[in-house]
PDB file of N, CA and C in Angstrom:
ATOM      1  N   MET A   1      50.756  -8.381  -5.129  1.00  0.00           N
ATOM      2  CA  MET A   1      49.607  -7.624  -4.669  1.00  0.00           C
ATOM      3  C   MET A   1      48.834  -7.052  -5.858  1.00  0.00           C
ATOM      4  N   ILE A   2      49.546  -6.498  -6.815  1.00  0.00           N
ATOM      5  CA  ILE A   2      48.898  -5.918  -7.995  1.00  0.00           C
ATOM      6  C   ILE A   2      48.160  -6.993  -8.788  1.00  0.00           C
ATOM      7  N   GLU A   3      48.733  -8.186  -8.865  1.00  0.00           N
ATOM      8  CA  GLU A   3      48.084  -9.282  -9.592  1.00  0.00           C
ATOM      9  C   GLU A   3      46.779  -9.698  -8.921  1.00  0.00           C
ATOM     10  N   LYS A   4      46.753  -9.691  -7.595  1.00  0.00           N
ATOM     11  CA  LYS A   4      45.521 -10.035  -6.874  1.00  0.00           C
ATOM     12  C   LYS A   4      44.426  -9.010  -7.156  1.00  0.00           C
ATOM     13  N   ILE A   5      44.811  -7.751  -7.222  1.00  0.00           N
ATOM     14  CA  ILE A   5      43.847  -6.692  -7.506  1.00  0.00           C
ATOM     15  C   ILE A   5      43.319  -6.838  -8.924  1.00  0.00           C
ATOM     16  N   LYS A   6      44.204  -7.105  -9.877  1.00  0.00           N
ATOM     17  CA  LYS A   6      43.779  -7.305 -11.267  1.00  0.00           C
ATOM     18  C   LYS A   6      42.829  -8.495 -11.372  1.00  0.00           C
ATOM     19  N   THR A   7      43.176  -9.580 -10.678  1.00  0.00           N
ATOM     20  CA  THR A   7      42.326 -10.768 -10.694  1.00  0.00           C
ATOM     21  C   THR A   7      40.961 -10.472 -10.086  1.00  0.00           C
ATOM     22  N   PHE A   8      40.955  -9.721  -9.008  1.00  0.00           N
ATOM     23  CA  PHE A   8      39.697  -9.359  -8.364  1.00  0.00           C
ATOM     24  C   PHE A   8      38.788  -8.604  -9.321  1.00  0.00           C
ATOM     25  N   PHE A   9      39.318  -7.579  -9.979  1.00  0.00           N
ATOM     26  CA  PHE A   9      38.487  -6.786 -10.879  1.00  0.00           C
ATOM     27  C   PHE A   9      38.072  -7.576 -12.115  1.00  0.00           C
ATOM     28  N   LYS A  10      38.902  -8.496 -12.540  1.00  0.00           N
ATOM     29  CA  LYS A  10      38.545  -9.355 -13.664  1.00  0.00           C
ATOM     30  C   LYS A  10      37.368 -10.245 -13.279  1.00  0.00           C
ATOM     31  N   GLU A  11      37.403 -10.793 -12.062  1.00  0.00           N
ATOM     32  CA  GLU A  11      36.301 -11.627 -11.578  1.00  0.00           C
ATOM     33  C   GLU A  11      35.031 -10.807 -11.357  1.00  0.00           C
ATOM     34  N   VAL A  12      35.192  -9.582 -10.900  1.00  0.00           N
ATOM     35  CA  VAL A  12      34.030  -8.698 -10.724  1.00  0.00           C
ATOM     36  C   VAL A  12      33.353  -8.455 -12.065  1.00  0.00           C
ATOM     37  N   LYS A  13      34.148  -8.228 -13.096  1.00  0.00           N
ATOM     38  CA  LYS A  13      33.597  -7.992 -14.441  1.00  0.00           C
ATOM     39  C   LYS A  13      32.841  -9.218 -14.931  1.00  0.00           C
ATOM     40  N   ILE A  14      33.377 -10.405 -14.676  1.00  0.00           N
ATOM     41  CA  ILE A  14      32.713 -11.647 -15.092  1.00  0.00           C
ATOM     42  C   ILE A  14      31.392 -11.819 -14.346  1.00  0.00           C
ATOM     43  N   GLU A  15      31.398 -11.574 -13.030  1.00  0.00           N
ATOM     44  CA  GLU A  15      30.185 -11.731 -12.235  1.00  0.00           C
ATOM     45  C   GLU A  15      29.127 -10.693 -12.600  1.00  0.00           C
ATOM     46  N   THR A  16      29.561  -9.488 -12.965  1.00  0.00           N
ATOM     47  CA  THR A  16      28.619  -8.432 -13.340  1.00  0.00           C
ATOM     48  C   THR A  16      27.852  -8.809 -14.597  1.00  0.00           C
ATOM     49  N   LYS A  17      28.474  -9.547 -15.482  1.00  0.00           N
ATOM     50  CA  LYS A  17      27.788  -9.984 -16.705  1.00  0.00           C
ATOM     51  C   LYS A  17      26.683 -10.992 -16.407  1.00  0.00           C
ATOM     52  N   LYS A  18      26.742 -11.656 -15.257  1.00  0.00           N
ATOM     53  CA  LYS A  18      25.741 -12.653 -14.883  1.00  0.00           C
ATOM     54  C   LYS A  18      24.504 -12.030 -14.235  1.00  0.00           C
ATOM     55  N   VAL A  19      24.569 -10.768 -13.881  1.00  0.00           N
ATOM     56  CA  VAL A  19      23.464 -10.108 -13.194  1.00  0.00           C
ATOM     57  C   VAL A  19      22.288  -9.927 -14.146  1.00  0.00           C
ATOM     58  N   VAL A  20      21.094 -10.265 -13.665  1.00  0.00           N
ATOM     59  CA  VAL A  20      19.872 -10.081 -14.447  1.00  0.00           C
ATOM     60  C   VAL A  20      19.088  -8.947 -13.795  1.00  0.00           C
ATOM     61  N   PHE A  21      18.934  -7.856 -14.509  1.00  0.00           N
ATOM     62  CA  PHE A  21      18.210  -6.710 -13.989  1.00  0.00           C
ATOM     63  C   PHE A  21      16.728  -6.855 -14.310  1.00  0.00           C
ATOM     64  N   PRO A  22      15.841  -6.379 -13.415  1.00  0.00           N
ATOM     65  CA  PRO A  22      14.402  -6.498 -13.675  1.00  0.00           C
ATOM     66  C   PRO A  22      13.960  -5.563 -14.795  1.00  0.00           C
ATOM     67  N   ASN A  23      12.907  -6.000 -15.493  1.00  0.00           N
ATOM     68  CA  ASN A  23      12.362  -5.111 -16.527  1.00  0.00           C
ATOM     69  C   ASN A  23      11.448  -4.082 -15.852  1.00  0.00           C
ATOM     70  N   LYS A  24      10.889  -3.198 -16.644  1.00  0.00           N
ATOM     71  CA  LYS A  24      10.115  -2.084 -16.093  1.00  0.00           C
ATOM     72  C   LYS A  24       8.901  -2.566 -15.300  1.00  0.00           C
ATOM     73  N   ASP A  25       8.177  -3.562 -15.820  1.00  0.00           N
ATOM     74  CA  ASP A  25       6.983  -4.048 -15.133  1.00  0.00           C
ATOM     75  C   ASP A  25       7.322  -4.705 -13.794  1.00  0.00           C
ATOM     76  N   GLU A  26       8.391  -5.483 -13.756  1.00  0.00           N
ATOM     77  CA  GLU A  26       8.807  -6.117 -12.510  1.00  0.00           C
ATOM     78  C   GLU A  26       9.234  -5.064 -11.483  1.00  0.00           C
ATOM     79  N   LEU A  27       9.910  -4.052 -11.953  1.00  0.00           N
ATOM     80  CA  LEU A  27      10.373  -2.988 -11.065  1.00  0.00           C
ATOM     81  C   LEU A  27       9.201  -2.219 -10.471  1.00  0.00           C
ATOM     82  N   ILE A  28       8.219  -1.898 -11.292  1.00  0.00           N
ATOM     83  CA  ILE A  28       7.030  -1.190 -10.809  1.00  0.00           C
ATOM     84  C   ILE A  28       6.257  -2.051  -9.810  1.00  0.00           C
ATOM     85  N   GLY A  29       6.114  -3.345 -10.114  1.00  0.00           N
ATOM     86  CA  GLY A  29       5.423  -4.258  -9.194  1.00  0.00           C
ATOM     87  C   GLY A  29       6.125  -4.355  -7.855  1.00  0.00           C
ATOM     88  N   SER A  30       7.436  -4.487  -7.886  1.00  0.00           N
ATOM     89  CA  SER A  30       8.210  -4.574  -6.646  1.00  0.00           C
ATOM     90  C   SER A  30       8.111  -3.277  -5.847  1.00  0.00           C
ATOM     91  N   THR A  31       8.093  -2.151  -6.539  1.00  0.00           N
ATOM     92  CA  THR A  31       7.982  -0.856  -5.864  1.00  0.00           C
ATOM     93  C   THR A  31       6.651  -0.743  -5.134  1.00  0.00           C
ATOM     94  N   TRP A  32       5.568  -1.185  -5.773  1.00  0.00           N
ATOM     95  CA  TRP A  32       4.258  -1.140  -5.123  1.00  0.00           C
ATOM     96  C   TRP A  32       4.209  -2.049  -3.903  1.00  0.00           C
ATOM     97  N   VAL A  33       4.839  -3.209  -3.995  1.00  0.00           N
ATOM     98  CA  VAL A  33       4.878  -4.115  -2.846  1.00  0.00           C
ATOM     99  C   VAL A  33       5.593  -3.444  -1.682  1.00  0.00           C
ATOM    100  N   VAL A  34       6.704  -2.791  -1.948  1.00  0.00           N
ATOM    101  CA  VAL A  34       7.458  -2.110  -0.900  1.00  0.00           C
ATOM    102  C   VAL A  34       6.647  -0.967  -0.301  1.00  0.00           C
ATOM    103  N   ILE A  35       6.013  -0.160  -1.135  1.00  0.00           N
ATOM    104  CA  ILE A  35       5.224   0.972  -0.643  1.00  0.00           C
ATOM    105  C   ILE A  35       4.071   0.491   0.235  1.00  0.00           C
ATOM    106  N   LEU A  36       3.341  -0.523  -0.222  1.00  0.00           N
ATOM    107  CA  LEU A  36       2.218  -1.043   0.563  1.00  0.00           C
ATOM    108  C   LEU A  36       2.698  -1.669   1.868  1.00  0.00           C
ATOM    109  N   SER A  37       3.810  -2.390   1.819  1.00  0.00           N
ATOM    110  CA  SER A  37       4.356  -2.998   3.037  1.00  0.00           C
ATOM    111  C   SER A  37       4.733  -1.930   4.058  1.00  0.00           C
ATOM    112  N   VAL A  38       5.372  -0.876   3.609  1.00  0.00           N
ATOM    113  CA  VAL A  38       5.763   0.210   4.509  1.00  0.00           C
ATOM    114  C   VAL A  38       4.533   0.870   5.119  1.00  0.00           C
ATOM    115  N   LEU A  39       3.502   1.108   4.323  1.00  0.00           N
ATOM    116  CA  LEU A  39       2.284   1.729   4.840  1.00  0.00           C
ATOM    117  C   LEU A  39       1.604   0.845   5.884  1.00  0.00           C
ATOM    118  N   ILE A  40       1.500  -0.445   5.600  1.00  0.00           N
ATOM    119  CA  ILE A  40       0.845  -1.369   6.533  1.00  0.00           C
ATOM    120  C   ILE A  40       1.631  -1.460   7.836  1.00  0.00           C
ATOM    121  N   ILE A  41       2.937  -1.610   7.738  1.00  0.00           N
ATOM    122  CA  ILE A  41       3.762  -1.737   8.943  1.00  0.00           C
ATOM    123  C   ILE A  41       3.753  -0.444   9.747  1.00  0.00           C
ATOM    124  N   SER A  42       3.810   0.710   9.069  1.00  0.00           N
ATOM    125  CA  SER A  42       3.800   1.976   9.808  1.00  0.00           C
ATOM    126  C   SER A  42       2.448   2.198  10.494  1.00  0.00           C
ATOM    127  N   PHE A  43       1.362   1.814   9.849  1.00  0.00           N
ATOM    128  CA  PHE A  43       0.042   1.923  10.461  1.00  0.00           C
ATOM    129  C   PHE A  43      -0.029   1.032  11.700  1.00  0.00           C
ATOM    130  N   PHE A  44       0.435  -0.203  11.582  1.00  0.00           N
ATOM    131  CA  PHE A  44       0.438  -1.139  12.710  1.00  0.00           C
ATOM    132  C   PHE A  44       1.283  -0.604  13.868  1.00  0.00           C
ATOM    133  N   LEU A  45       2.481  -0.138  13.568  1.00  0.00           N
ATOM    134  CA  LEU A  45       3.349   0.388  14.615  1.00  0.00           C
ATOM    135  C   LEU A  45       2.774   1.651  15.251  1.00  0.00           C
ATOM    136  N   GLY A  46       2.076   2.467  14.461  1.00  0.00           N
ATOM    137  CA  GLY A  46       1.419   3.649  15.014  1.00  0.00           C
ATOM    138  C   GLY A  46       0.353   3.273  16.021  1.00  0.00           C
ATOM    139  N   ILE A  47      -0.428   2.257  15.702  1.00  0.00           N
ATOM    140  CA  ILE A  47      -1.469   1.794  16.623  1.00  0.00           C
ATOM    141  C   ILE A  47      -0.843   1.215  17.894  1.00  0.00           C
ATOM    142  N   VAL A  48       0.208   0.420  17.738  1.00  0.00           N
ATOM    143  CA  VAL A  48       0.874  -0.156  18.902  1.00  0.00           C
ATOM    144  C   VAL A  48       1.473   0.951  19.764  1.00  0.00           C
ATOM    145  N   ASP A  49       2.108   1.932  19.145  1.00  0.00           N
ATOM    146  CA  ASP A  49       2.701   3.046  19.882  1.00  0.00           C
ATOM    147  C   ASP A  49       1.637   3.830  20.640  1.00  0.00           C
ATOM    148  N   PHE A  50       0.523   4.095  19.976  1.00  0.00           N
ATOM    149  CA  PHE A  50      -0.565   4.822  20.627  1.00  0.00           C
ATOM    150  C   PHE A  50      -1.097   4.033  21.822  1.00  0.00           C
ATOM    151  N   GLY A  51      -1.294   2.740  21.634  1.00  0.00           N
ATOM    152  CA  GLY A  51      -1.800   1.910  22.723  1.00  0.00           C
ATOM    153  C   GLY A  51      -0.835   1.837  23.895  1.00  0.00           C
ATOM    154  N   LEU A  52       0.439   1.667  23.605  1.00  0.00           N
ATOM    155  CA  LEU A  52       1.425   1.600  24.682  1.00  0.00           C
ATOM    156  C   LEU A  52       1.570   2.937  25.399  1.00  0.00           C
ATOM    157  N   SER A  53       1.495   4.039  24.651  1.00  0.00           N
ATOM    158  CA  SER A  53       1.605   5.340  25.309  1.00  0.00           C
ATOM    159  C   SER A  53       0.401   5.583  26.219  1.00  0.00           C
ATOM    160  N   LYS A  54      -0.788   5.175  25.811  1.00  0.00           N
ATOM    161  CA  LYS A  54      -1.966   5.312  26.663  1.00  0.00           C
ATOM    162  C   LYS A  54      -1.853   4.402  27.889  1.00  0.00           C
ATOM    163  N   ALA A  55      -1.294   3.201  27.712  1.00  0.00           N
ATOM    164  CA  ALA A  55      -1.129   2.293  28.838  1.00  0.00           C
ATOM    165  C   ALA A  55      -0.136   2.860  29.855  1.00  0.00           C
ATOM    166  N   VAL A  56       0.972   3.383  29.384  1.00  0.00           N
ATOM    167  CA  VAL A  56       1.967   3.972  30.286  1.00  0.00           C
ATOM    168  C   VAL A  56       1.400   5.220  30.956  1.00  0.00           C
ATOM    169  N   GLU A  57       0.650   6.008  30.204  1.00  0.00           N
ATOM    170  CA  GLU A  57       0.041   7.216  30.765  1.00  0.00           C
ATOM    171  C   GLU A  57      -0.932   6.864  31.879  1.00  0.00           C
ATOM    172  N   SER A  58      -1.713   5.797  31.688  1.00  0.00           N
ATOM    173  CA  SER A  58      -2.669   5.406  32.732  1.00  0.00           C
ATOM    174  C   SER A  58      -1.954   4.835  33.947  1.00  0.00           C
ATOM    175  N   ILE A  59      -0.817   4.181  33.759  1.00  0.00           N
ATOM    176  CA  ILE A  59      -0.054   3.649  34.892  1.00  0.00           C
ATOM    177  C   ILE A  59       0.580   4.782  35.673  1.00  0.00           C
ATOM    178  N   VAL A  60       1.123   5.788  34.970  1.00  0.00           N
ATOM    179  CA  VAL A  60       1.789   6.910  35.634  1.00  0.00           C
ATOM    180  C   VAL A  60       0.780   7.759  36.392  1.00  0.00           C
ATOM    181  N   ASN A  61      -0.384   7.977  35.837  1.00  0.00           N
ATOM    182  CA  ASN A  61      -1.395   8.815  36.498  1.00  0.00           C
ATOM    183  C   ASN A  61      -2.122   7.962  37.452  1.00  0.00           C
TER     184      ASN A  61
END
C-alpha cells in the first residue's frame, strides 16, 4: 500500500512538470473573455426571466 502511494506521488510530480501555465497577457485575455461572457449571459437570462414573469403574471391575472 505504501509503495502505491509513493508511486502515485512520484507520478504526480512528473505530470506537474508537464503543466504549461499561461503568461500574464494570456491570463488577462482569458479573464476578459470570462467577464464579458458572464455579463452577456446574465443580461440574456435577466431578459428571459423578466419576460417569463410577465407572461405568468398575465396568465394568473
